[in-house]
Amino acid sequence: MGFDRVIIEVDKTVRTLLAPATTVRPRPGKEIPEADLSEVERRHVIGLMRVNHVGEICAQALYQGQALTSRNSATRDALVEAANEEIEHLAWTEQRIYELKGRKSCLNLFWYSGAFALGTLAGEAGDRWNLGFLVETERQVEAHLNSHLRELPLKDLRSRAIVEQMRLDEIKHAEMALELGGSPLPMPIVVAMKFAARFMTRTAYYA
């Protein structure tokens, strides 16, 4: 990898972890009036949105690692396109956390580093498995977002609009990876991914 590419990838990392994320599409639910949440509800929503924000930090790292080691230009282009939409998710969840007077995870560097390593390994395994890893990741994220839609207060339409649009985007990313030839992952890897995701969500809710 050339020096220019190294600079680009380092810049992506710094922007993801330190700079405010930007969005091209309007943030879902932005025009909806704020709900009258109790203190318990507000803290719960902050915890859920912090988990979602960490998920988007991990998504950026995964896509970056996968794109770096992918052998196929079509796969790389697809990963970059998905990553761009995930940046919007990063912006939406970050903005919602701040609206609710919450904070982002203090472990974002840890989450990013681990996800980048996993993405790199997936890319090294070959594009079929690389895309299969993407499919499984997005399916697990979709299930996770479905659980958040069940947990979010029904009256918090602002947060629910964000999570619903994220869910639709994740479904699209999984379908894209399948169309490009993603293969189902072995069950032990799927189980390990679910275990890692459970650890991340339970930790990021509080930290």
Protein backbone atom coordinates (compact mmCIF):
# COMPACT_ATOMS: atom_id res chain seq x y z
CA MET A 1 0.00 0.00 0.00
CA GLY A 2 1.43 3.36 -1.07
CA PHE A 3 2.14 6.24 1.28
CA ASP A 4 -0.76 8.28 -0.15
CA ARG A 5 -3.16 5.43 0.62
CA VAL A 6 -1.84 5.23 4.16
CA ILE A 7 -2.50 8.95 4.66
CA ILE A 8 -6.05 8.55 3.30
CA GLU A 9 -6.82 5.64 5.61
CA VAL A 10 -5.38 7.41 8.66
CA ASP A 11 -7.48 10.46 7.79
CA LYS A 12 -10.61 8.27 7.63
CA THR A 13 -9.84 6.86 11.06
CA VAL A 14 -9.28 10.27 12.64
CA ARG A 15 -12.45 11.68 11.07
CA THR A 16 -14.53 8.73 12.23
CA LEU A 17 -13.31 8.94 15.81
CA LEU A 18 -12.86 12.67 16.34
CA ALA A 19 -14.69 14.79 13.76
CA PRO A 20 -18.46 15.37 13.71
CA ALA A 21 -19.99 13.06 11.10
CA THR A 22 -21.82 14.63 8.16
CA THR A 23 -24.95 13.59 6.30
CA VAL A 24 -26.22 14.22 2.78
CA ARG A 25 -29.75 12.98 3.37
CA PRO A 26 -31.93 14.89 5.83
CA ARG A 27 -31.90 13.25 9.24
CA PRO A 28 -35.02 11.10 9.63
CA GLY A 29 -37.50 12.53 12.13
CA LYS A 30 -35.75 15.87 12.45
CA GLU A 31 -39.01 17.75 11.80
CA ILE A 32 -40.93 15.76 14.43
CA PRO A 33 -41.47 17.58 17.76
CA GLU A 34 -39.48 16.28 20.71
CA ALA A 35 -41.37 13.84 22.92
CA ASP A 36 -41.90 14.52 26.60
CA LEU A 37 -39.67 11.76 27.96
CA SER A 38 -39.26 10.93 31.64
CA GLU A 39 -35.71 10.91 33.02
CA VAL A 40 -35.68 7.11 32.97
CA GLU A 41 -36.88 7.05 29.36
CA ARG A 42 -34.37 9.70 28.31
CA ARG A 43 -31.46 7.77 29.81
CA HIS A 44 -32.66 4.55 28.19
CA VAL A 45 -32.92 6.18 24.77
CA ILE A 46 -29.44 7.67 25.18
CA GLY A 47 -28.09 4.21 26.01
CA LEU A 48 -29.73 2.67 22.96
CA MET A 49 -28.55 5.44 20.64
CA ARG A 50 -25.03 5.19 22.08
CA VAL A 51 -25.07 1.48 21.20
CA ASN A 52 -26.21 2.36 17.67
CA HIS A 53 -23.48 4.99 17.37
CA VAL A 54 -20.85 2.45 18.43
CA GLY A 55 -22.28 0.08 15.83
CA GLU A 56 -21.69 2.71 13.18
CA ILE A 57 -18.13 3.31 14.43
CA CYS A 58 -17.57 -0.43 14.02
CA ALA A 59 -19.20 -0.39 10.57
CA GLN A 60 -16.76 2.27 9.35
CA ALA A 61 -13.83 0.24 10.65
CA LEU A 62 -15.13 -3.03 9.20
CA TYR A 63 -15.73 -1.52 5.76
CA GLN A 64 -12.35 0.18 5.81
CA GLY A 65 -10.54 -3.05 6.67
CA GLN A 66 -12.55 -5.05 4.14
CA ALA A 67 -12.02 -2.56 1.32
CA LEU A 68 -8.28 -2.39 2.00
CA THR A 69 -7.82 -6.15 1.57
CA SER A 70 -10.47 -6.84 -1.08
CA ARG A 71 -9.10 -8.22 -4.34
CA ASN A 72 -12.01 -7.15 -6.51
CA SER A 73 -12.75 -3.57 -7.59
CA ALA A 74 -16.53 -4.15 -7.71
CA THR A 75 -16.45 -5.40 -4.13
CA ARG A 76 -14.37 -2.42 -3.03
CA ASP A 77 -16.78 -0.01 -4.72
CA ALA A 78 -19.75 -1.68 -3.02
CA LEU A 79 -18.04 -1.48 0.36
CA VAL A 80 -17.24 2.20 -0.13
CA GLU A 81 -20.85 2.93 -1.13
CA ALA A 82 -22.18 1.15 1.95
CA ALA A 83 -19.64 2.93 4.16
CA ASN A 84 -20.85 6.31 2.90
CA GLU A 85 -24.40 5.52 4.01
CA GLU A 86 -23.09 4.27 7.35
CA ILE A 87 -21.39 7.67 7.84
CA GLU A 88 -24.86 9.19 7.64
CA HIS A 89 -26.02 6.77 10.33
CA LEU A 90 -23.06 7.88 12.41
CA ALA A 91 -24.16 11.50 12.05
CA TRP A 92 -27.81 10.78 12.85
CA THR A 93 -27.08 8.82 16.02
CA GLU A 94 -24.46 11.32 17.18
CA GLN A 95 -26.86 14.24 16.72
CA ARG A 96 -29.64 12.39 18.56
CA ILE A 97 -27.35 11.61 21.51
CA TYR A 98 -26.44 15.28 21.84
CA GLU A 99 -30.09 16.38 21.52
CA LEU A 100 -30.84 14.20 24.53
CA LYS A 101 -27.84 15.65 26.40
CA GLY A 102 -25.99 12.35 26.38
CA ARG A 103 -22.43 11.36 25.50
CA LYS A 104 -20.79 8.99 23.06
CA SER A 105 -18.94 5.86 24.18
CA CYS A 106 -15.58 6.46 25.83
CA LEU A 107 -14.36 3.18 24.28
CA ASN A 108 -14.73 4.14 20.62
CA LEU A 109 -11.03 3.66 19.85
CA PHE A 110 -11.24 0.13 21.27
CA TRP A 111 -14.36 -0.68 19.23
CA TYR A 112 -12.84 0.77 16.07
CA SER A 113 -9.56 -1.13 16.41
CA GLY A 114 -11.25 -4.47 16.95
CA ALA A 115 -13.65 -4.00 14.05
CA PHE A 116 -10.86 -2.89 11.72
CA ALA A 117 -8.90 -6.05 12.52
CA LEU A 118 -11.96 -8.21 11.81
CA GLY A 119 -12.61 -6.41 8.53
CA THR A 120 -9.03 -6.89 7.42
CA LEU A 121 -9.19 -10.62 8.20
CA ALA A 122 -12.46 -10.94 6.30
CA GLY A 123 -10.95 -9.24 3.27
CA GLU A 124 -7.88 -11.47 3.37
CA ALA A 125 -10.13 -14.54 3.28
CA GLY A 126 -11.25 -13.66 -0.25
CA ASP A 127 -14.15 -11.69 -1.71
CA ARG A 128 -16.69 -14.52 -1.40
CA TRP A 129 -16.13 -14.71 2.37
CA ASN A 130 -15.58 -10.97 2.63
CA LEU A 131 -19.06 -10.36 1.23
CA GLY A 132 -20.49 -13.22 3.28
CA PHE A 133 -19.14 -11.52 6.40
CA LEU A 134 -20.87 -8.32 5.30
CA VAL A 135 -24.18 -10.16 4.77
CA GLU A 136 -24.06 -11.74 8.23
CA THR A 137 -23.02 -8.46 9.86
CA GLU A 138 -25.92 -6.59 8.29
CA ARG A 139 -28.42 -9.31 9.21
CA GLN A 140 -27.31 -9.20 12.82
CA VAL A 141 -27.49 -5.39 12.81
CA GLU A 142 -31.01 -5.58 11.35
CA ALA A 143 -32.08 -7.91 14.18
CA HIS A 144 -30.46 -5.61 16.69
CA LEU A 145 -32.29 -2.56 15.29
CA ASN A 146 -35.58 -4.48 15.37
CA SER A 147 -35.02 -5.06 19.08
CA HIS A 148 -34.41 -1.33 19.58
CA LEU A 149 -37.68 -0.50 17.83
CA ARG A 150 -39.39 -2.71 20.38
CA GLU A 151 -37.55 -1.02 23.27
CA LEU A 152 -37.76 2.64 22.28
CA PRO A 153 -40.69 4.55 23.81
CA LEU A 154 -43.56 4.63 21.32
CA LYS A 155 -43.85 8.40 21.76
CA ASP A 156 -40.17 9.00 20.85
CA LEU A 157 -40.89 9.31 17.14
CA ARG A 158 -37.62 11.15 16.50
CA SER A 159 -35.45 8.24 17.62
CA ARG A 160 -37.73 5.67 16.03
CA ALA A 161 -37.50 7.39 12.62
CA ILE A 162 -33.70 7.23 12.73
CA VAL A 163 -33.60 3.57 13.71
CA GLU A 164 -36.19 2.58 11.09
CA GLN A 165 -34.25 4.24 8.25
CA MET A 166 -31.04 2.65 9.47
CA ARG A 167 -32.79 -0.73 9.45
CA LEU A 168 -33.91 -0.26 5.84
CA ASP A 169 -30.38 0.72 4.78
CA GLU A 170 -28.85 -2.35 6.47
CA ILE A 171 -31.29 -4.63 4.63
CA LYS A 172 -30.22 -3.02 1.35
CA HIS A 173 -26.52 -3.52 2.16
CA ALA A 174 -27.07 -7.21 2.91
CA GLU A 175 -28.96 -7.69 -0.36
CA MET A 176 -26.20 -5.92 -2.27
CA ALA A 177 -23.54 -8.22 -0.79
CA LEU A 178 -25.62 -11.30 -1.67
CA GLU A 179 -26.01 -10.13 -5.26
CA LEU A 180 -22.24 -9.68 -5.51
CA GLY A 181 -21.67 -13.32 -4.48
CA GLY A 182 -21.43 -13.38 -0.70
CA SER A 183 -21.31 -16.90 0.76
CA PRO A 184 -22.92 -18.08 4.02
CA LEU A 185 -20.41 -18.17 6.86
CA PRO A 186 -19.69 -21.32 8.89
CA MET A 187 -21.90 -21.54 11.98
CA PRO A 188 -19.00 -21.21 14.50
CA ILE A 189 -18.11 -17.83 12.97
CA VAL A 190 -21.74 -16.70 13.08
CA VAL A 191 -21.98 -17.68 16.75
CA ALA A 192 -18.71 -15.89 17.55
CA MET A 193 -19.98 -12.74 15.81
CA LYS A 194 -23.19 -12.83 17.86
CA PHE A 195 -21.21 -13.25 21.07
CA ALA A 196 -18.95 -10.28 20.19
CA ALA A 197 -21.98 -8.16 19.28
CA ARG A 198 -23.67 -9.00 22.58
CA PHE A 199 -20.57 -7.94 24.50
CA MET A 200 -20.37 -4.69 22.55
CA THR A 201 -24.03 -3.75 22.99
CA ARG A 202 -24.12 -4.48 26.70
CA THR A 203 -20.92 -2.53 27.35
CA ALA A 204 -21.65 0.44 25.07
CA TYR A 205 -25.09 0.98 26.64
CA TYR A 206 -23.31 2.19 29.79
CA ALA A 207 -19.84 3.19 28.55
